[in-house]
Amino acid sequence: MPEDNRKPNDNGDSDRIKPTKAQLNARRNRSIAIAVALAIFVILLYLASIMKLGPAVFDRAM
């Protein structure tokens, strides 16, 4: 009887599920969409902060 020394949580390639090309493309598109949404959110927060502080924030002496 051959011995299998691998544990169930061993990171052997034979146990892994490999995503298809369509799944990889979907993951990439989802990541891009999340990045764009995050960038828009950050820009909106920045603009809201500037609008709340007013234009005088740019005129102060440093």
N, C-alpha and C. Protein backbone atom coordinates (compact mmCIF):
# COMPACT_ATOMS: atom_id res chain seq x y z
N MET A 1 0.83 -1.17 0.00
CA MET A 1 0.00 0.00 0.00
C MET A 1 0.89 1.25 0.00
N PRO A 2 0.76 2.12 -1.02
CA PRO A 2 1.61 3.31 -1.08
C PRO A 2 1.21 4.32 -0.02
N GLU A 3 2.24 4.97 0.51
CA GLU A 3 1.99 5.96 1.55
C GLU A 3 1.82 7.33 0.93
N ASP A 4 0.80 8.03 1.35
CA ASP A 4 0.59 9.40 0.92
C ASP A 4 0.94 10.29 2.09
N ASN A 5 2.07 10.99 2.01
CA ASN A 5 2.56 11.80 3.12
C ASN A 5 1.95 13.19 3.15
N ARG A 6 1.12 13.51 2.19
CA ARG A 6 0.53 14.85 2.17
C ARG A 6 -0.61 14.94 3.17
N LYS A 7 -0.68 16.09 3.81
CA LYS A 7 -1.79 16.36 4.72
C LYS A 7 -2.92 16.99 3.91
N PRO A 8 -4.13 16.99 4.42
CA PRO A 8 -5.24 17.58 3.68
C PRO A 8 -5.04 19.06 3.35
N ASN A 9 -4.34 19.81 4.20
CA ASN A 9 -4.12 21.23 3.96
C ASN A 9 -2.79 21.50 3.27
N ASP A 10 -2.11 20.48 2.82
CA ASP A 10 -0.87 20.66 2.08
C ASP A 10 -1.17 21.44 0.80
N ASN A 11 -0.30 22.32 0.39
CA ASN A 11 -0.55 23.15 -0.79
C ASN A 11 -0.06 22.46 -2.06
N GLY A 12 -0.50 21.28 -2.28
CA GLY A 12 -0.15 20.56 -3.49
C GLY A 12 -0.97 21.08 -4.67
N ASP A 13 -0.38 21.17 -5.84
CA ASP A 13 -1.07 21.70 -7.00
C ASP A 13 -2.23 20.82 -7.44
N SER A 14 -2.17 19.53 -7.15
CA SER A 14 -3.22 18.64 -7.61
C SER A 14 -4.54 18.89 -6.88
N ASP A 15 -4.48 19.49 -5.68
CA ASP A 15 -5.69 19.73 -4.90
C ASP A 15 -6.32 21.09 -5.18
N ARG A 16 -5.61 21.95 -5.85
CA ARG A 16 -6.10 23.30 -6.09
C ARG A 16 -7.04 23.35 -7.28
N ILE A 17 -7.99 24.25 -7.18
CA ILE A 17 -8.87 24.51 -8.30
C ILE A 17 -8.27 25.65 -9.10
N LYS A 18 -8.04 25.42 -10.36
CA LYS A 18 -7.46 26.46 -11.21
C LYS A 18 -8.59 27.23 -11.89
N PRO A 19 -8.61 28.56 -11.75
CA PRO A 19 -9.66 29.34 -12.39
C PRO A 19 -9.51 29.32 -13.91
N THR A 20 -10.65 29.38 -14.58
CA THR A 20 -10.62 29.42 -16.03
C THR A 20 -10.23 30.82 -16.48
N LYS A 21 -9.98 30.96 -17.78
CA LYS A 21 -9.61 32.26 -18.33
C LYS A 21 -10.75 33.26 -18.13
N ALA A 22 -11.98 32.80 -18.27
CA ALA A 22 -13.13 33.69 -18.07
C ALA A 22 -13.20 34.16 -16.62
N GLN A 23 -12.91 33.26 -15.68
CA GLN A 23 -12.93 33.65 -14.27
C GLN A 23 -11.81 34.64 -13.94
N LEU A 24 -10.65 34.43 -14.53
CA LEU A 24 -9.54 35.36 -14.32
C LEU A 24 -9.87 36.74 -14.89
N ASN A 25 -10.50 36.77 -16.07
CA ASN A 25 -10.90 38.04 -16.67
C ASN A 25 -11.95 38.73 -15.81
N ALA A 26 -12.90 37.97 -15.28
CA ALA A 26 -13.93 38.54 -14.41
C ALA A 26 -13.30 39.10 -13.14
N ARG A 27 -12.34 38.39 -12.57
CA ARG A 27 -11.66 38.87 -11.37
C ARG A 27 -10.91 40.16 -11.65
N ARG A 28 -10.23 40.22 -12.80
CA ARG A 28 -9.48 41.42 -13.18
C ARG A 28 -10.43 42.60 -13.38
N ASN A 29 -11.53 42.37 -14.09
CA ASN A 29 -12.50 43.45 -14.32
C ASN A 29 -13.12 43.92 -13.01
N ARG A 30 -13.39 43.00 -12.11
CA ARG A 30 -13.95 43.36 -10.81
C ARG A 30 -12.94 44.19 -10.01
N SER A 31 -11.67 43.81 -10.07
CA SER A 31 -10.64 44.55 -9.35
C SER A 31 -10.49 45.96 -9.91
N ILE A 32 -10.55 46.08 -11.22
CA ILE A 32 -10.46 47.40 -11.85
C ILE A 32 -11.66 48.26 -11.45
N ALA A 33 -12.84 47.68 -11.44
CA ALA A 33 -14.05 48.42 -11.05
C ALA A 33 -13.95 48.90 -9.60
N ILE A 34 -13.44 48.06 -8.72
CA ILE A 34 -13.29 48.44 -7.31
C ILE A 34 -12.27 49.57 -7.19
N ALA A 35 -11.17 49.48 -7.93
CA ALA A 35 -10.14 50.52 -7.88
C ALA A 35 -10.68 51.86 -8.39
N VAL A 36 -11.45 51.82 -9.47
CA VAL A 36 -12.02 53.06 -10.01
C VAL A 36 -13.02 53.65 -9.02
N ALA A 37 -13.86 52.82 -8.43
CA ALA A 37 -14.84 53.30 -7.45
C ALA A 37 -14.14 53.91 -6.24
N LEU A 38 -13.07 53.29 -5.78
CA LEU A 38 -12.32 53.81 -4.64
C LEU A 38 -11.68 55.16 -4.99
N ALA A 39 -11.11 55.27 -6.18
CA ALA A 39 -10.49 56.52 -6.62
C ALA A 39 -11.53 57.64 -6.68
N ILE A 40 -12.70 57.35 -7.23
CA ILE A 40 -13.76 58.36 -7.31
C ILE A 40 -14.20 58.78 -5.90
N PHE A 41 -14.31 57.82 -5.00
CA PHE A 41 -14.70 58.12 -3.63
C PHE A 41 -13.68 59.04 -2.95
N VAL A 42 -12.40 58.75 -3.14
CA VAL A 42 -11.34 59.56 -2.54
C VAL A 42 -11.37 60.97 -3.11
N ILE A 43 -11.55 61.09 -4.42
CA ILE A 43 -11.61 62.41 -5.06
C ILE A 43 -12.82 63.19 -4.54
N LEU A 44 -13.95 62.53 -4.40
CA LEU A 44 -15.14 63.21 -3.88
C LEU A 44 -14.93 63.68 -2.44
N LEU A 45 -14.29 62.88 -1.62
CA LEU A 45 -14.00 63.30 -0.25
C LEU A 45 -13.05 64.49 -0.23
N TYR A 46 -12.05 64.48 -1.09
CA TYR A 46 -11.10 65.58 -1.17
C TYR A 46 -11.82 66.86 -1.59
N LEU A 47 -12.64 66.77 -2.64
CA LEU A 47 -13.36 67.95 -3.12
C LEU A 47 -14.35 68.45 -2.07
N ALA A 48 -15.02 67.56 -1.38
CA ALA A 48 -15.96 67.97 -0.34
C ALA A 48 -15.22 68.68 0.80
N SER A 49 -14.05 68.20 1.15
CA SER A 49 -13.26 68.82 2.20
C SER A 49 -12.82 70.22 1.79
N ILE A 50 -12.37 70.37 0.56
CA ILE A 50 -11.94 71.68 0.06
C ILE A 50 -13.14 72.63 0.02
N MET A 51 -14.29 72.16 -0.41
CA MET A 51 -15.47 73.01 -0.49
C MET A 51 -15.94 73.42 0.91
N LYS A 52 -15.80 72.52 1.87
CA LYS A 52 -16.22 72.85 3.23
C LYS A 52 -15.27 73.86 3.86
N LEU A 53 -13.98 73.73 3.61
CA LEU A 53 -13.00 74.67 4.16
C LEU A 53 -13.06 76.01 3.45
N GLY A 54 -13.44 75.99 2.21
CA GLY A 54 -13.56 77.23 1.44
C GLY A 54 -12.28 77.54 0.68
N PRO A 55 -12.36 78.52 -0.20
CA PRO A 55 -11.19 78.86 -1.02
C PRO A 55 -10.08 79.53 -0.23
N ALA A 56 -10.35 79.99 0.97
CA ALA A 56 -9.32 80.66 1.77
C ALA A 56 -8.19 79.73 2.16
N VAL A 57 -8.43 78.45 2.11
CA VAL A 57 -7.39 77.49 2.49
C VAL A 57 -6.17 77.59 1.56
N PHE A 58 -6.39 78.08 0.33
CA PHE A 58 -5.28 78.21 -0.62
C PHE A 58 -4.57 79.56 -0.48
N ASP A 59 -5.17 80.52 0.22
CA ASP A 59 -4.62 81.87 0.30
C ASP A 59 -3.80 82.12 1.57
N ARG A 60 -3.71 81.16 2.44
CA ARG A 60 -3.01 81.39 3.69
C ARG A 60 -1.49 81.40 3.49
N ALA A 61 -0.80 82.12 4.34
CA ALA A 61 0.66 82.21 4.27
C ALA A 61 1.27 80.96 4.87
N MET A 62 2.33 80.51 4.27
CA MET A 62 3.00 79.32 4.78
C MET A 62 4.27 79.71 5.47
